[in-house]
Amino acid sequence: MDSAIELSEKMVGNLIALTRDNLHELEAIERLASFLGTDRFGALALQLAYEYPVKIEEPYQSISKLRHSSIIGMSDVPFESLRVVCEVVINRAPELLRILSYRYRHENRTTVPHGLWLALLDRARGDISLIEPSSSRAVDGRLSPDVFATCHDLIAKNQAMLDQDFFLARKREGLSASEAVESLIAHRQVAHDNGKDAELNK
């Protein structure tokens, strides 16, 4: 990793990992996911992913999947929902790919803006029985079924691996790491804009 990328990591946001210090936050979100069930929790998380004002410079929450009792991690259902959230916020703000934690996401680790994590935590700490079954863009019609499906397609087609392959291909062409990242961001921005145009033309 060249110095430009290292500087980028230091200047853009701050990583917050799951530790014993914030284990209570993880446990609260796990309880929320258990109470709501897979579909409702996923819909709530997706709603927040579209409504949260993403800020490139803000801290980001790194989330590991629970694979062993000795490692602090999130269970399958909420983890898979937050993998979709990660892809949505990157799709909304491709500049996040300047941050290694977003760029090197995979099936056992994902990342979300810390403010979005806290918004989810606020829901978990409130009266969760008051959360309506239709409390999501996907359910109440504010997000079309096609867009909802597209969000999950980002996981199904392994967008994280596609991004990594694109990044490595640009480096093999002779670009520096920082130049390859900027090329990836431009590529994702064009894809995002084309997707918006296609949605408007329906």
Protein backbone atom coordinates (compact mmCIF):
# COMPACT_ATOMS: atom_id res chain seq x y z
CA MET A 1 0.00 0.00 0.00
CA ASP A 2 1.58 3.30 -1.02
CA SER A 3 1.88 6.39 1.17
CA ALA A 4 -1.03 8.17 -0.52
CA ILE A 5 -3.43 5.42 0.53
CA GLU A 6 -1.98 5.33 4.06
CA LEU A 7 -2.50 9.09 4.31
CA SER A 8 -6.04 8.68 2.98
CA GLU A 9 -6.82 6.14 5.70
CA LYS A 10 -5.54 8.50 8.39
CA MET A 11 -7.36 11.55 7.11
CA VAL A 12 -10.74 10.05 6.18
CA GLY A 13 -12.78 8.80 9.10
CA ASN A 14 -11.77 6.55 11.96
CA LEU A 15 -12.29 2.82 12.31
CA ILE A 16 -14.28 1.52 15.29
CA ALA A 17 -14.01 -2.23 15.84
CA LEU A 18 -16.24 -4.51 17.88
CA THR A 19 -14.61 -4.91 21.28
CA ARG A 20 -15.62 -5.59 24.88
CA ASP A 21 -16.09 -1.82 25.24
CA ASN A 22 -18.99 -1.73 22.78
CA LEU A 23 -20.21 -5.31 23.20
CA HIS A 24 -23.40 -3.93 24.79
CA GLU A 25 -24.19 -2.13 21.52
CA LEU A 26 -23.78 -5.34 19.53
CA GLU A 27 -25.99 -7.23 22.00
CA ALA A 28 -28.74 -4.57 21.75
CA ILE A 29 -28.78 -4.76 17.93
CA GLU A 30 -28.78 -8.57 18.11
CA ARG A 31 -31.86 -8.40 20.36
CA LEU A 32 -33.56 -6.04 17.91
CA ALA A 33 -32.86 -8.42 15.02
CA SER A 34 -34.18 -11.36 17.03
CA PHE A 35 -37.36 -9.46 17.94
CA LEU A 36 -38.09 -8.18 14.42
CA GLY A 37 -37.10 -11.29 12.52
CA THR A 38 -35.06 -11.53 9.33
CA ASP A 39 -37.33 -9.65 6.90
CA ARG A 40 -38.35 -6.78 9.20
CA PHE A 41 -34.83 -6.21 10.52
CA GLY A 42 -33.43 -6.27 6.98
CA ALA A 43 -36.09 -3.81 5.81
CA LEU A 44 -35.41 -1.48 8.75
CA ALA A 45 -31.65 -1.57 8.10
CA LEU A 46 -32.25 -0.89 4.39
CA GLN A 47 -34.46 2.08 5.24
CA LEU A 48 -31.68 3.57 7.35
CA ALA A 49 -29.15 2.86 4.58
CA TYR A 50 -31.15 5.03 2.17
CA GLU A 51 -32.15 7.76 4.60
CA TYR A 52 -28.89 8.23 6.50
CA PRO A 53 -26.85 11.26 5.32
CA VAL A 54 -23.54 9.59 4.47
CA LYS A 55 -20.48 11.66 5.35
CA ILE A 56 -17.18 10.53 3.89
CA GLU A 57 -15.13 11.85 6.81
CA GLU A 58 -17.14 10.27 9.64
CA PRO A 59 -16.01 7.26 11.72
CA TYR A 60 -17.01 3.81 10.48
CA GLN A 61 -18.01 0.67 12.34
CA SER A 62 -16.20 -2.50 11.35
CA ILE A 63 -18.31 -5.62 11.95
CA SER A 64 -17.00 -9.18 11.94
CA LYS A 65 -19.23 -12.19 11.44
CA LEU A 66 -19.45 -14.49 14.45
CA ARG A 67 -17.44 -17.58 13.54
CA HIS A 68 -16.07 -18.67 16.92
CA SER A 69 -17.06 -18.03 20.52
CA SER A 70 -13.61 -16.58 21.26
CA ILE A 71 -14.11 -13.76 18.72
CA ILE A 72 -16.55 -10.88 19.12
CA GLY A 73 -18.80 -10.94 16.09
CA MET A 74 -22.36 -10.57 14.83
CA SER A 75 -24.66 -13.51 14.16
CA ASP A 76 -25.73 -14.42 10.63
CA VAL A 77 -29.11 -12.65 10.27
CA PRO A 78 -28.14 -9.10 11.29
CA PHE A 79 -24.70 -9.47 9.71
CA GLU A 80 -26.13 -10.32 6.29
CA SER A 81 -28.52 -7.36 6.57
CA LEU A 82 -25.63 -5.03 7.34
CA ARG A 83 -23.65 -6.43 4.41
CA VAL A 84 -26.48 -5.12 2.22
CA VAL A 85 -26.36 -1.79 4.10
CA CYS A 86 -22.63 -1.53 3.38
CA GLU A 87 -23.18 -2.08 -0.34
CA VAL A 88 -26.00 0.48 -0.42
CA VAL A 89 -23.97 3.24 1.25
CA ILE A 90 -21.03 2.55 -1.07
CA ASN A 91 -23.40 2.69 -4.02
CA ARG A 92 -24.70 6.03 -2.76
CA ALA A 93 -21.21 7.41 -2.01
CA PRO A 94 -18.49 5.56 -3.98
CA GLU A 95 -15.89 7.88 -2.40
CA LEU A 96 -16.10 5.61 0.64
CA LEU A 97 -13.93 3.19 -1.34
CA ARG A 98 -10.95 5.37 -0.46
CA ILE A 99 -11.24 3.79 2.99
CA LEU A 100 -9.69 0.33 3.26
CA SER A 101 -12.36 -1.01 5.59
CA TYR A 102 -15.01 -0.40 2.92
CA ARG A 103 -12.83 -1.53 0.04
CA TYR A 104 -11.78 -4.82 1.62
CA ARG A 105 -15.20 -5.95 2.80
CA HIS A 106 -16.01 -9.63 2.36
CA GLU A 107 -18.32 -12.43 3.49
CA ASN A 108 -16.93 -12.38 7.04
CA ARG A 109 -16.44 -8.66 7.61
CA THR A 110 -18.42 -5.58 6.66
CA THR A 111 -18.46 -1.88 7.50
CA VAL A 112 -21.15 0.76 8.01
CA PRO A 113 -20.99 4.46 8.92
CA HIS A 114 -20.80 4.74 12.70
CA GLY A 115 -23.67 7.22 12.73
CA LEU A 116 -25.86 4.68 10.94
CA TRP A 117 -24.82 2.05 13.51
CA LEU A 118 -25.88 4.47 16.26
CA ALA A 119 -29.20 5.13 14.49
CA LEU A 120 -29.86 1.40 14.50
CA LEU A 121 -28.81 1.29 18.15
CA ASP A 122 -31.30 4.05 18.97
CA ARG A 123 -34.06 1.87 17.51
CA ALA A 124 -32.80 -1.07 19.57
CA ARG A 125 -32.80 0.96 22.79
CA GLY A 126 -36.29 2.36 22.21
CA ASP A 127 -39.59 0.58 22.58
CA ILE A 128 -39.05 -1.93 19.80
CA SER A 129 -42.65 -3.11 20.10
CA LEU A 130 -43.65 0.23 18.56
CA ILE A 131 -41.71 -0.41 15.32
CA GLU A 132 -44.35 -0.90 12.65
CA PRO A 133 -44.21 -3.98 10.43
CA SER A 134 -44.23 -1.61 7.44
CA SER A 135 -41.49 0.66 8.77
CA SER A 136 -39.35 0.40 5.67
CA ARG A 137 -39.10 1.92 2.24
CA ALA A 138 -39.25 -1.58 0.79
CA VAL A 139 -42.58 -2.34 2.44
CA ASP A 140 -44.42 0.95 2.26
CA GLY A 141 -43.71 1.67 -1.40
CA ARG A 142 -41.09 4.40 -1.06
CA LEU A 143 -38.55 1.94 -2.46
CA SER A 144 -39.64 0.05 -5.55
CA PRO A 145 -39.36 -3.76 -5.57
CA ASP A 146 -36.81 -3.51 -8.40
CA VAL A 147 -34.53 -1.29 -6.34
CA PHE A 148 -35.01 -3.52 -3.29
CA ALA A 149 -33.93 -6.53 -5.39
CA THR A 150 -30.96 -4.59 -6.76
CA CYS A 151 -29.68 -3.96 -3.23
CA HIS A 152 -29.53 -7.69 -2.56
CA ASP A 153 -28.08 -8.33 -6.02
CA LEU A 154 -24.98 -6.38 -4.92
CA ILE A 155 -24.32 -9.23 -2.49
CA ALA A 156 -25.45 -12.02 -4.83
CA LYS A 157 -23.09 -10.95 -7.60
CA ASN A 158 -20.29 -10.31 -5.05
CA GLN A 159 -19.80 -6.61 -5.78
CA ALA A 160 -16.99 -6.54 -3.21
CA MET A 161 -14.98 -9.04 -5.28
CA LEU A 162 -15.80 -7.19 -8.51
CA ASP A 163 -14.46 -3.99 -6.96
CA GLN A 164 -11.29 -5.75 -5.83
CA ASP A 165 -10.76 -7.31 -9.27
CA PHE A 166 -11.21 -3.90 -10.92
CA PHE A 167 -8.74 -2.31 -8.48
CA LEU A 168 -6.10 -5.01 -9.07
CA ALA A 169 -6.57 -4.84 -12.85
CA ARG A 170 -5.87 -1.11 -12.82
CA LYS A 171 -2.72 -1.70 -10.75
CA ARG A 172 -1.54 -4.33 -13.24
CA GLU A 173 -1.97 -1.68 -15.94
CA GLY A 174 0.58 0.44 -14.13
CA LEU A 175 -1.55 2.72 -11.97
CA SER A 176 -0.47 3.45 -8.42
CA ALA A 177 -2.72 2.26 -5.60
CA SER A 178 -4.18 5.73 -5.12
CA GLU A 179 -4.80 6.12 -8.88
CA ALA A 180 -6.43 2.68 -9.02
CA VAL A 181 -8.74 3.65 -6.16
CA GLU A 182 -9.78 6.84 -7.94
CA SER A 183 -10.41 4.86 -11.13
CA LEU A 184 -12.59 2.43 -9.16
CA ILE A 185 -14.57 5.30 -7.62
CA ALA A 186 -15.15 6.84 -11.06
CA HIS A 187 -16.24 3.44 -12.41
CA ARG A 188 -18.72 2.94 -9.56
CA GLN A 189 -20.04 6.50 -9.94
CA VAL A 190 -20.79 5.94 -13.64
CA ALA A 191 -22.54 2.65 -12.81
CA HIS A 192 -24.57 4.40 -10.10
CA ASP A 193 -25.57 7.25 -12.44
CA ASN A 194 -26.54 4.81 -15.19
CA GLY A 195 -28.65 2.90 -12.71
CA LYS A 196 -30.48 6.08 -11.67
CA ASP A 197 -31.10 6.97 -15.32
CA ALA A 198 -32.52 3.49 -15.97
CA GLU A 199 -34.83 3.83 -12.96
CA LEU A 200 -36.08 7.24 -14.14
CA ASN A 201 -36.76 5.92 -17.63
CA LYS A 202 -39.03 3.09 -16.42
